[in-house]
Every structure is written in structure tokens, then in C-alpha cells.
Amino acid sequence: MKNTIILCLFLTSSLALAQGLPEKHTDLLKFVQPSPDQGETNTCLFMASTGAMELLLNKQAKIKNPKAGGPNDLSESFLIWQADYSDQETETNHFIESAVIRFNHGEAVHTSAWPFTAYYEDKTDSLESWNKHPDFVTLPRMSVPKVKTKLLFSRGKKWATHVLNPEDLTAVKKALVEYNSPVIINYNDDGYWHVVLIVGYDDRKRGSCYELEGDECGKRGAFYVRDSNGKKFEARDYNWFLIKANAAAVVELR
């Protein structure tokens, strides 16, 4: 296993050099909107999708180091209840693209009008985020631009592991550089599928070995990940991605 991982990282580095990619791409980090902690609400698809739009809006408006409650802090619960959007370009989208393209209705709701709730006051889990707001129809809307997505790859099912190759890692890095936009991915989070955003990378960074064991961790090279755990972003070892992930799509403004 150890030799396989070392070879995989070597091939990944060689592929990146062949593609002419920089050693790191961190331009998006300053525009990342901190995520709420989703707790046990199972809302990761909507957390990541809302986070993608928030980042793109902050980038468009040049809002650096955005704070919680800032002008582009959007309601995840509204996206849950926003109607599906489809046209000729989106009829065959992968499930990781299905929520973010709902923004193509051209509207969103600010978190101040419909905040996300993961816990009750007694710290027990709350599923209120799945309840439709009683004033859903009259909530104040914000105008947002349309997005477009590009599926980079999808391998196996939602729970698949060990299905990626170095070319997939390079494809994500290349997309981050080429589009300067976030990449939404699905991975196996300890037996459950989970959707997050990749917002940058650094070949020389030592990232967290997140869920990896022993020799599985490469200890060099990391993606910057915006999860739904209340943090802005964190660095995770490339092997976390190679071993755990199975699908990725870039999200950009039209």
C-alpha cells in the first residue's frame, strides 16, 4: 500500500508538471464564505452549493475575507426549497450539480431572513432546516447571476472509494486554475456520501490526513476544502481525495 501511494503521488506531481500547472492555487481562499455547522442535518449538498454561489458572488464583488452575515451570506434552507431548474443544458446533470443550478432561477434569500438551524437551544439536533418557511412566498429575495457547471468525472456510485487516479486529481487542479472557480465534489465520509467544495490546492502543503490511516496519508500536497463544519476551509492531504472521492464538477458564473 505504501509503495502504491508513493507512486501515485509521484505520478500526480509528474502530471501536474506536464500540464504546466503552478505549485499552488490559493486565489479563491480570500473569497470563501464561512459555512454554518450542519450538525446531523444531512444538508451537505445544499451547504456546498450555497457556498459555491457565495464564493462566486464575493469574488465578483471583490469582497475579501467575508464574515458571517455579510452581504452574500445566503440561506441554505431556501435552496432546499427552491424549485428544481432545468433547461437543455442541465437536463442530464450529475446529482452534485443538481442543487447549485437551482440558483438559475435568478434569486436567493439572505441568511438574515431565513437562518440555518442545526441545533436546538439544549444542543440537541434540529431538523428545522428541512421545514418550509411559513412566509416562503413573501421572503425578500436577492438577485443572483446564473451559474454553469462542468462535470469533470464521476466514477462508481456515491459511496465508491479507491476509484480515482492521478489524472482525476490533476483535472481538479487544472479546473481550479483555468476557471478560477470552486469545484464541488462527492466523497465517502466514513461510510456516507458527503458533498464539499474544493477551493484551492498547494503541492507543498502538508494537509490533514482526515479519515486516512497509517501509510494511506501522503503527508505532502493538499487541497483546501470548504466543508459544512463551521470552518472557513481546511487543508486535506491529496490522498484523502484520491482514496475517498468519486465525482467532481466545476461551478462558475455564466
C-alpha atoms as a PDB file:
ATOM      1  CA  MET A   1       0.000   0.000   0.000  1.00  0.00           C
ATOM      2  CA  LYS A   2       2.759   2.474   0.959  1.00  0.00           C
ATOM      3  CA  ASN A   3       4.661   1.982  -2.318  1.00  0.00           C
ATOM      4  CA  THR A   4       1.428   2.353  -4.273  1.00  0.00           C
ATOM      5  CA  ILE A   5       0.645   5.659  -2.590  1.00  0.00           C
ATOM      6  CA  ILE A   6       4.166   6.997  -3.112  1.00  0.00           C
ATOM      7  CA  LEU A   7       3.960   6.039  -6.789  1.00  0.00           C
ATOM      8  CA  CYS A   8       0.539   7.678  -7.039  1.00  0.00           C
ATOM      9  CA  LEU A   9       1.826  10.957  -5.599  1.00  0.00           C
ATOM     10  CA  PHE A  10       4.852  10.821  -7.911  1.00  0.00           C
ATOM     11  CA  LEU A  11       2.588  10.322 -10.920  1.00  0.00           C
ATOM     12  CA  THR A  12       0.341  13.158  -9.732  1.00  0.00           C
ATOM     13  CA  SER A  13       3.307  15.511  -9.460  1.00  0.00           C
ATOM     14  CA  SER A  14       4.583  14.464 -12.879  1.00  0.00           C
ATOM     15  CA  LEU A  15       1.160  15.008 -14.449  1.00  0.00           C
ATOM     16  CA  ALA A  16       0.883  18.483 -12.919  1.00  0.00           C
ATOM     17  CA  LEU A  17       4.293  19.425 -14.299  1.00  0.00           C
ATOM     18  CA  ALA A  18       3.330  18.084 -17.708  1.00  0.00           C
ATOM     19  CA  GLN A  19       0.180  20.228 -17.613  1.00  0.00           C
ATOM     20  CA  GLY A  20       2.207  23.313 -16.719  1.00  0.00           C
ATOM     21  CA  LEU A  21       0.233  23.848 -13.510  1.00  0.00           C
ATOM     22  CA  PRO A  22       1.547  26.110 -10.735  1.00  0.00           C
ATOM     23  CA  GLU A  23       2.611  24.510  -7.456  1.00  0.00           C
ATOM     24  CA  LYS A  24      -0.330  26.139  -5.732  1.00  0.00           C
ATOM     25  CA  HIS A  25      -3.546  27.978  -6.437  1.00  0.00           C
ATOM     26  CA  THR A  26      -4.948  29.888  -3.488  1.00  0.00           C
ATOM     27  CA  ASP A  27      -6.604  32.881  -5.196  1.00  0.00           C
ATOM     28  CA  LEU A  28     -10.097  31.800  -4.132  1.00  0.00           C
ATOM     29  CA  LEU A  29      -9.389  31.413  -0.426  1.00  0.00           C
ATOM     30  CA  LYS A  30      -9.918  35.089   0.326  1.00  0.00           C
ATOM     31  CA  PHE A  31     -13.472  34.917  -1.055  1.00  0.00           C
ATOM     32  CA  VAL A  32     -14.674  31.815   0.813  1.00  0.00           C
ATOM     33  CA  GLN A  33     -17.775  32.416   2.925  1.00  0.00           C
ATOM     34  CA  PRO A  34     -17.556  30.591   6.283  1.00  0.00           C
ATOM     35  CA  SER A  35     -20.018  27.718   6.436  1.00  0.00           C
ATOM     36  CA  PRO A  36     -22.517  27.019   9.204  1.00  0.00           C
ATOM     37  CA  ASP A  37     -22.064  23.766  11.081  1.00  0.00           C
ATOM     38  CA  GLN A  38     -24.612  21.411   9.537  1.00  0.00           C
ATOM     39  CA  GLY A  39     -24.526  19.076  12.524  1.00  0.00           C
ATOM     40  CA  GLU A  40     -26.621  15.970  11.815  1.00  0.00           C
ATOM     41  CA  THR A  41     -28.995  17.669   9.379  1.00  0.00           C
ATOM     42  CA  ASN A  42     -27.754  15.855   6.247  1.00  0.00           C
ATOM     43  CA  THR A  43     -27.745  19.075   4.220  1.00  0.00           C
ATOM     44  CA  CYS A  44     -24.234  18.870   2.746  1.00  0.00           C
ATOM     45  CA  LEU A  45     -25.363  19.119  -0.894  1.00  0.00           C
ATOM     46  CA  PHE A  46     -27.080  22.429  -0.177  1.00  0.00           C
ATOM     47  CA  MET A  47     -24.267  23.682   2.056  1.00  0.00           C
ATOM     48  CA  ALA A  48     -21.707  23.122  -0.689  1.00  0.00           C
ATOM     49  CA  SER A  49     -23.953  24.527  -3.415  1.00  0.00           C
ATOM     50  CA  THR A  50     -24.758  27.670  -1.435  1.00  0.00           C
ATOM     51  CA  GLY A  51     -21.064  28.011  -0.592  1.00  0.00           C
ATOM     52  CA  ALA A  52     -20.172  27.895  -4.281  1.00  0.00           C
ATOM     53  CA  MET A  53     -22.559  30.747  -5.108  1.00  0.00           C
ATOM     54  CA  GLU A  54     -21.419  32.765  -2.076  1.00  0.00           C
ATOM     55  CA  LEU A  55     -17.779  32.433  -3.119  1.00  0.00           C
ATOM     56  CA  LEU A  56     -18.538  33.439  -6.702  1.00  0.00           C
ATOM     57  CA  LEU A  57     -20.576  36.451  -5.562  1.00  0.00           C
ATOM     58  CA  ASN A  58     -17.820  37.573  -3.180  1.00  0.00           C
ATOM     59  CA  LYS A  59     -15.263  37.172  -5.947  1.00  0.00           C
ATOM     60  CA  GLN A  60     -17.422  39.162  -8.379  1.00  0.00           C
ATOM     61  CA  ALA A  61     -17.899  41.957  -5.827  1.00  0.00           C
ATOM     62  CA  LYS A  62     -14.267  41.733  -4.634  1.00  0.00           C
ATOM     63  CA  ILE A  63     -15.371  41.137  -1.050  1.00  0.00           C
ATOM     64  CA  LYS A  64     -12.350  39.652   0.694  1.00  0.00           C
ATOM     65  CA  ASN A  65     -12.456  37.708   3.954  1.00  0.00           C
ATOM     66  CA  PRO A  66     -16.276  37.753   4.129  1.00  0.00           C
ATOM     67  CA  LYS A  67     -17.878  37.478   7.538  1.00  0.00           C
ATOM     68  CA  ALA A  68     -20.901  35.512   8.662  1.00  0.00           C
ATOM     69  CA  GLY A  69     -23.989  37.598   7.955  1.00  0.00           C
ATOM     70  CA  GLY A  70     -22.218  39.574   5.224  1.00  0.00           C
ATOM     71  CA  PRO A  71     -23.945  40.756   2.037  1.00  0.00           C
ATOM     72  CA  ASN A  72     -23.571  37.416   0.249  1.00  0.00           C
ATOM     73  CA  ASP A  73     -24.282  35.049   3.141  1.00  0.00           C
ATOM     74  CA  LEU A  74     -27.164  33.046   1.654  1.00  0.00           C
ATOM     75  CA  SER A  75     -29.824  30.834   3.189  1.00  0.00           C
ATOM     76  CA  GLU A  76     -29.149  27.131   2.708  1.00  0.00           C
ATOM     77  CA  SER A  77     -32.722  26.282   3.665  1.00  0.00           C
ATOM     78  CA  PHE A  78     -34.073  28.434   0.854  1.00  0.00           C
ATOM     79  CA  LEU A  79     -32.028  26.471  -1.654  1.00  0.00           C
ATOM     80  CA  ILE A  80     -33.517  23.253  -0.269  1.00  0.00           C
ATOM     81  CA  TRP A  81     -36.986  24.565  -1.107  1.00  0.00           C
ATOM     82  CA  GLN A  82     -36.087  26.417  -4.293  1.00  0.00           C
ATOM     83  CA  ALA A  83     -37.672  24.635  -7.247  1.00  0.00           C
ATOM     84  CA  ASP A  84     -35.532  22.436  -9.464  1.00  0.00           C
ATOM     85  CA  TYR A  85     -34.233  24.209 -12.547  1.00  0.00           C
ATOM     86  CA  SER A  86     -33.756  22.540 -15.873  1.00  0.00           C
ATOM     87  CA  ASP A  87     -33.156  23.540 -19.446  1.00  0.00           C
ATOM     88  CA  GLN A  88     -31.436  21.907 -22.397  1.00  0.00           C
ATOM     89  CA  GLU A  89     -28.036  22.366 -20.773  1.00  0.00           C
ATOM     90  CA  THR A  90     -28.951  20.892 -17.399  1.00  0.00           C
ATOM     91  CA  GLU A  91     -31.311  18.003 -18.036  1.00  0.00           C
ATOM     92  CA  THR A  92     -28.580  15.395 -17.569  1.00  0.00           C
ATOM     93  CA  ASN A  93     -26.645  16.934 -14.687  1.00  0.00           C
ATOM     94  CA  HIS A  94     -24.977  14.742 -12.089  1.00  0.00           C
ATOM     95  CA  PHE A  95     -26.534  14.909  -8.617  1.00  0.00           C
ATOM     96  CA  ILE A  96     -23.672  17.051  -7.270  1.00  0.00           C
ATOM     97  CA  GLU A  97     -24.694  19.723  -9.813  1.00  0.00           C
ATOM     98  CA  SER A  98     -28.433  19.433  -9.197  1.00  0.00           C
ATOM     99  CA  ALA A  99     -28.753  21.858  -6.275  1.00  0.00           C
ATOM    100  CA  VAL A 100     -26.433  24.680  -7.345  1.00  0.00           C
ATOM    101  CA  ILE A 101     -28.217  25.071 -10.701  1.00  0.00           C
ATOM    102  CA  ARG A 102     -31.385  25.939  -8.784  1.00  0.00           C
ATOM    103  CA  PHE A 103     -29.834  29.394  -8.490  1.00  0.00           C
ATOM    104  CA  ASN A 104     -30.536  29.758 -12.208  1.00  0.00           C
ATOM    105  CA  HIS A 105     -33.999  30.948 -11.237  1.00  0.00           C
ATOM    106  CA  GLY A 106     -32.043  34.129 -10.535  1.00  0.00           C
ATOM    107  CA  GLU A 107     -32.900  34.537  -6.884  1.00  0.00           C
ATOM    108  CA  ALA A 108     -31.739  33.670  -3.388  1.00  0.00           C
ATOM    109  CA  VAL A 109     -32.619  34.601   0.200  1.00  0.00           C
ATOM    110  CA  HIS A 110     -30.198  36.160   2.673  1.00  0.00           C
ATOM    111  CA  THR A 111     -29.441  34.186   5.819  1.00  0.00           C
ATOM    112  CA  SER A 112     -30.836  37.001   7.978  1.00  0.00           C
ATOM    113  CA  ALA A 113     -34.307  36.284   6.561  1.00  0.00           C
ATOM    114  CA  TRP A 114     -34.000  32.508   6.930  1.00  0.00           C
ATOM    115  CA  PRO A 115     -31.075  31.434   9.127  1.00  0.00           C
ATOM    116  CA  PHE A 116     -29.813  27.874   9.213  1.00  0.00           C
ATOM    117  CA  THR A 117     -30.574  25.908  12.391  1.00  0.00           C
ATOM    118  CA  ALA A 118     -28.608  22.760  13.224  1.00  0.00           C
ATOM    119  CA  TYR A 119     -29.227  22.577  16.982  1.00  0.00           C
ATOM    120  CA  TYR A 120     -31.910  23.488  19.471  1.00  0.00           C
ATOM    121  CA  GLU A 121     -31.035  25.617  22.495  1.00  0.00           C
ATOM    122  CA  ASP A 122     -30.491  22.461  24.541  1.00  0.00           C
ATOM    123  CA  LYS A 123     -27.811  21.395  21.967  1.00  0.00           C
ATOM    124  CA  THR A 124     -29.874  18.509  20.604  1.00  0.00           C
ATOM    125  CA  ASP A 125     -30.042  18.079  16.838  1.00  0.00           C
ATOM    126  CA  SER A 126     -32.593  20.101  14.942  1.00  0.00           C
ATOM    127  CA  LEU A 127     -34.035  19.226  11.558  1.00  0.00           C
ATOM    128  CA  GLU A 128     -35.802  22.583  11.205  1.00  0.00           C
ATOM    129  CA  SER A 129     -33.678  23.369   8.156  1.00  0.00           C
ATOM    130  CA  TRP A 130     -35.836  20.920   6.199  1.00  0.00           C
ATOM    131  CA  ASN A 131     -39.086  22.703   7.134  1.00  0.00           C
ATOM    132  CA  LYS A 132     -40.557  25.124   4.630  1.00  0.00           C
ATOM    133  CA  HIS A 133     -40.615  28.684   5.932  1.00  0.00           C
ATOM    134  CA  PRO A 134     -44.194  29.794   6.744  1.00  0.00           C
ATOM    135  CA  ASP A 135     -43.582  33.005   4.778  1.00  0.00           C
ATOM    136  CA  PHE A 136     -41.688  31.315   1.942  1.00  0.00           C
ATOM    137  CA  VAL A 137     -43.584  33.115  -0.813  1.00  0.00           C
ATOM    138  CA  THR A 138     -43.082  36.597   0.649  1.00  0.00           C
ATOM    139  CA  LEU A 139     -39.498  36.286   1.922  1.00  0.00           C
ATOM    140  CA  PRO A 140     -37.317  39.069   0.489  1.00  0.00           C
ATOM    141  CA  ARG A 141     -35.342  37.781  -2.480  1.00  0.00           C
ATOM    142  CA  MET A 142     -31.853  38.719  -3.651  1.00  0.00           C
ATOM    143  CA  SER A 143     -30.935  38.700  -7.317  1.00  0.00           C
ATOM    144  CA  VAL A 144     -28.124  36.312  -8.198  1.00  0.00           C
ATOM    145  CA  PRO A 145     -26.479  35.546 -11.543  1.00  0.00           C
ATOM    146  CA  LYS A 146     -26.855  32.218 -13.296  1.00  0.00           C
ATOM    147  CA  VAL A 147     -24.224  29.532 -12.978  1.00  0.00           C
ATOM    148  CA  LYS A 148     -22.964  26.812 -15.243  1.00  0.00           C
ATOM    149  CA  THR A 149     -21.355  23.561 -14.253  1.00  0.00           C
ATOM    150  CA  LYS A 150     -18.948  21.192 -15.923  1.00  0.00           C
ATOM    151  CA  LEU A 151     -18.677  17.620 -14.722  1.00  0.00           C
ATOM    152  CA  LEU A 152     -15.007  16.675 -14.522  1.00  0.00           C
ATOM    153  CA  PHE A 153     -15.551  12.994 -13.741  1.00  0.00           C
ATOM    154  CA  SER A 154     -17.869  10.542 -11.993  1.00  0.00           C
ATOM    155  CA  ARG A 155     -16.584   7.092 -11.079  1.00  0.00           C
ATOM    156  CA  GLY A 156     -18.659   4.415  -9.424  1.00  0.00           C
ATOM    157  CA  LYS A 157     -21.554   5.147  -7.087  1.00  0.00           C
ATOM    158  CA  LYS A 158     -21.978   7.759  -4.337  1.00  0.00           C
ATOM    159  CA  TRP A 159     -20.217   5.532  -1.810  1.00  0.00           C
ATOM    160  CA  ALA A 160     -17.354   4.396  -4.049  1.00  0.00           C
ATOM    161  CA  THR A 161     -13.767   4.594  -2.797  1.00  0.00           C
ATOM    162  CA  HIS A 162     -10.406   3.844  -4.426  1.00  0.00           C
ATOM    163  CA  VAL A 163     -11.884   4.608  -7.871  1.00  0.00           C
ATOM    164  CA  LEU A 164      -9.837   7.698  -8.780  1.00  0.00           C
ATOM    165  CA  ASN A 165      -6.461   8.010 -10.465  1.00  0.00           C
ATOM    166  CA  PRO A 166      -3.778  10.727 -10.614  1.00  0.00           C
ATOM    167  CA  GLU A 167      -5.377  12.180 -13.751  1.00  0.00           C
ATOM    168  CA  ASP A 168      -8.512  12.979 -11.718  1.00  0.00           C
ATOM    169  CA  LEU A 169      -6.525  14.883  -9.124  1.00  0.00           C
ATOM    170  CA  THR A 170      -4.788  16.825 -11.886  1.00  0.00           C
ATOM    171  CA  ALA A 171      -8.153  17.537 -13.532  1.00  0.00           C
ATOM    172  CA  VAL A 172      -9.396  19.236 -10.353  1.00  0.00           C
ATOM    173  CA  LYS A 173      -6.236  21.291 -10.020  1.00  0.00           C
ATOM    174  CA  LYS A 174      -6.418  22.266 -13.682  1.00  0.00           C
ATOM    175  CA  ALA A 175     -10.069  23.329 -13.311  1.00  0.00           C
ATOM    176  CA  LEU A 176      -9.257  25.498 -10.282  1.00  0.00           C
ATOM    177  CA  VAL A 177      -6.558  27.290 -12.267  1.00  0.00           C
ATOM    178  CA  GLU A 178      -8.405  27.511 -15.599  1.00  0.00           C
ATOM    179  CA  TYR A 179     -11.800  28.627 -14.291  1.00  0.00           C
ATOM    180  CA  ASN A 180     -10.660  30.232 -11.010  1.00  0.00           C
ATOM    181  CA  SER A 181     -13.890  28.854  -9.566  1.00  0.00           C
ATOM    182  CA  PRO A 182     -14.757  26.263  -6.898  1.00  0.00           C
ATOM    183  CA  VAL A 183     -15.035  22.542  -7.588  1.00  0.00           C
ATOM    184  CA  ILE A 184     -17.872  20.637  -5.929  1.00  0.00           C
ATOM    185  CA  ILE A 185     -17.073  17.011  -5.100  1.00  0.00           C
ATOM    186  CA  ASN A 186     -18.638  13.929  -3.598  1.00  0.00           C
ATOM    187  CA  TYR A 187     -16.672  11.571  -1.386  1.00  0.00           C
ATOM    188  CA  ASN A 188     -17.209   8.722   1.049  1.00  0.00           C
ATOM    189  CA  ASP A 189     -17.250  10.222   4.541  1.00  0.00           C
ATOM    190  CA  ASP A 190     -16.737   7.193   6.789  1.00  0.00           C
ATOM    191  CA  GLY A 191     -19.434   5.158   5.048  1.00  0.00           C
ATOM    192  CA  TYR A 192     -21.736   8.006   3.974  1.00  0.00           C
ATOM    193  CA  TRP A 193     -21.623  10.101   0.804  1.00  0.00           C
ATOM    194  CA  HIS A 194     -20.788  13.731   1.514  1.00  0.00           C
ATOM    195  CA  VAL A 195     -20.540  16.810  -0.709  1.00  0.00           C
ATOM    196  CA  VAL A 196     -17.977  19.585  -0.161  1.00  0.00           C
ATOM    197  CA  LEU A 197     -16.151  22.301  -2.098  1.00  0.00           C
ATOM    198  CA  ILE A 198     -12.514  22.293  -3.138  1.00  0.00           C
ATOM    199  CA  VAL A 199     -11.351  25.909  -3.264  1.00  0.00           C
ATOM    200  CA  GLY A 200      -7.600  25.641  -3.804  1.00  0.00           C
ATOM    201  CA  TYR A 201      -4.505  23.471  -3.620  1.00  0.00           C
ATOM    202  CA  ASP A 202      -0.839  23.549  -2.655  1.00  0.00           C
ATOM    203  CA  ASP A 203       1.621  20.854  -3.742  1.00  0.00           C
ATOM    204  CA  ARG A 204       3.978  21.723  -0.880  1.00  0.00           C
ATOM    205  CA  LYS A 205       1.355  21.945   1.869  1.00  0.00           C
ATOM    206  CA  ARG A 206       1.082  19.229   4.483  1.00  0.00           C
ATOM    207  CA  GLY A 207      -2.638  18.744   4.927  1.00  0.00           C
ATOM    208  CA  SER A 208      -4.731  16.849   7.418  1.00  0.00           C
ATOM    209  CA  CYS A 209      -4.785  13.076   6.967  1.00  0.00           C
ATOM    210  CA  TYR A 210      -8.549  13.333   7.505  1.00  0.00           C
ATOM    211  CA  GLU A 211     -10.021   9.825   7.887  1.00  0.00           C
ATOM    212  CA  LEU A 212      -6.899   8.151   6.447  1.00  0.00           C
ATOM    213  CA  GLU A 213      -4.982   5.555   8.364  1.00  0.00           C
ATOM    214  CA  GLY A 214      -1.272   4.802   8.606  1.00  0.00           C
ATOM    215  CA  ASP A 215       0.528   4.721   5.272  1.00  0.00           C
ATOM    216  CA  GLU A 216      -2.539   5.965   3.407  1.00  0.00           C
ATOM    217  CA  CYS A 217      -1.557   9.557   4.191  1.00  0.00           C
ATOM    218  CA  GLY A 218       0.907  11.100   1.742  1.00  0.00           C
ATOM    219  CA  LYS A 219       1.918  13.973   4.051  1.00  0.00           C
ATOM    220  CA  ARG A 220       2.679  16.310   1.154  1.00  0.00           C
ATOM    221  CA  GLY A 221       0.305  18.114  -1.155  1.00  0.00           C
ATOM    222  CA  ALA A 222      -3.162  19.232  -0.102  1.00  0.00           C
ATOM    223  CA  PHE A 223      -6.471  20.547  -1.329  1.00  0.00           C
ATOM    224  CA  TYR A 224      -8.142  23.407   0.508  1.00  0.00           C
ATOM    225  CA  VAL A 225     -11.612  22.164   1.397  1.00  0.00           C
ATOM    226  CA  ARG A 226     -14.646  24.182   2.424  1.00  0.00           C
ATOM    227  CA  ASP A 227     -16.779  21.694   4.345  1.00  0.00           C
ATOM    228  CA  SER A 228     -20.025  22.261   6.273  1.00  0.00           C
ATOM    229  CA  ASN A 229     -18.450  22.056   9.728  1.00  0.00           C
ATOM    230  CA  GLY A 230     -18.480  25.720  10.727  1.00  0.00           C
ATOM    231  CA  LYS A 231     -14.954  26.389   9.442  1.00  0.00           C
ATOM    232  CA  LYS A 232     -13.903  28.619   6.572  1.00  0.00           C
ATOM    233  CA  PHE A 233     -11.680  25.982   4.977  1.00  0.00           C
ATOM    234  CA  GLU A 234      -9.049  23.412   5.862  1.00  0.00           C
ATOM    235  CA  ALA A 235      -6.197  21.635   4.079  1.00  0.00           C
ATOM    236  CA  ARG A 236      -6.602  17.899   3.415  1.00  0.00           C
ATOM    237  CA  ASP A 237      -3.985  15.535   2.080  1.00  0.00           C
ATOM    238  CA  TYR A 238      -4.239  14.699  -1.632  1.00  0.00           C
ATOM    239  CA  ASN A 239      -4.647  11.036  -0.738  1.00  0.00           C
ATOM    240  CA  TRP A 240      -7.850  11.856   1.141  1.00  0.00           C
ATOM    241  CA  PHE A 241      -9.196  12.914  -2.249  1.00  0.00           C
ATOM    242  CA  LEU A 242      -7.691  10.049  -4.246  1.00  0.00           C
ATOM    243  CA  ILE A 243      -8.925   7.379  -1.839  1.00  0.00           C
ATOM    244  CA  LYS A 244     -12.290   8.814  -0.781  1.00  0.00           C
ATOM    245  CA  ALA A 245     -13.681  10.887  -3.692  1.00  0.00           C
ATOM    246  CA  ASN A 246     -15.680   9.706  -6.691  1.00  0.00           C
ATOM    247  CA  ALA A 247     -17.163  12.723  -8.533  1.00  0.00           C
ATOM    248  CA  ALA A 248     -16.281  16.369  -9.222  1.00  0.00           C
ATOM    249  CA  ALA A 249     -17.722  19.337 -11.126  1.00  0.00           C
ATOM    250  CA  VAL A 250     -16.569  22.921 -11.525  1.00  0.00           C
ATOM    251  CA  VAL A 251     -19.095  25.698 -10.777  1.00  0.00           C
ATOM    252  CA  GLU A 252     -18.732  29.120 -12.409  1.00  0.00           C
ATOM    253  CA  LEU A 253     -20.856  32.153 -13.229  1.00  0.00           C
ATOM    254  CA  ARG A 254     -22.291  32.278 -16.719  1.00  0.00           C
END
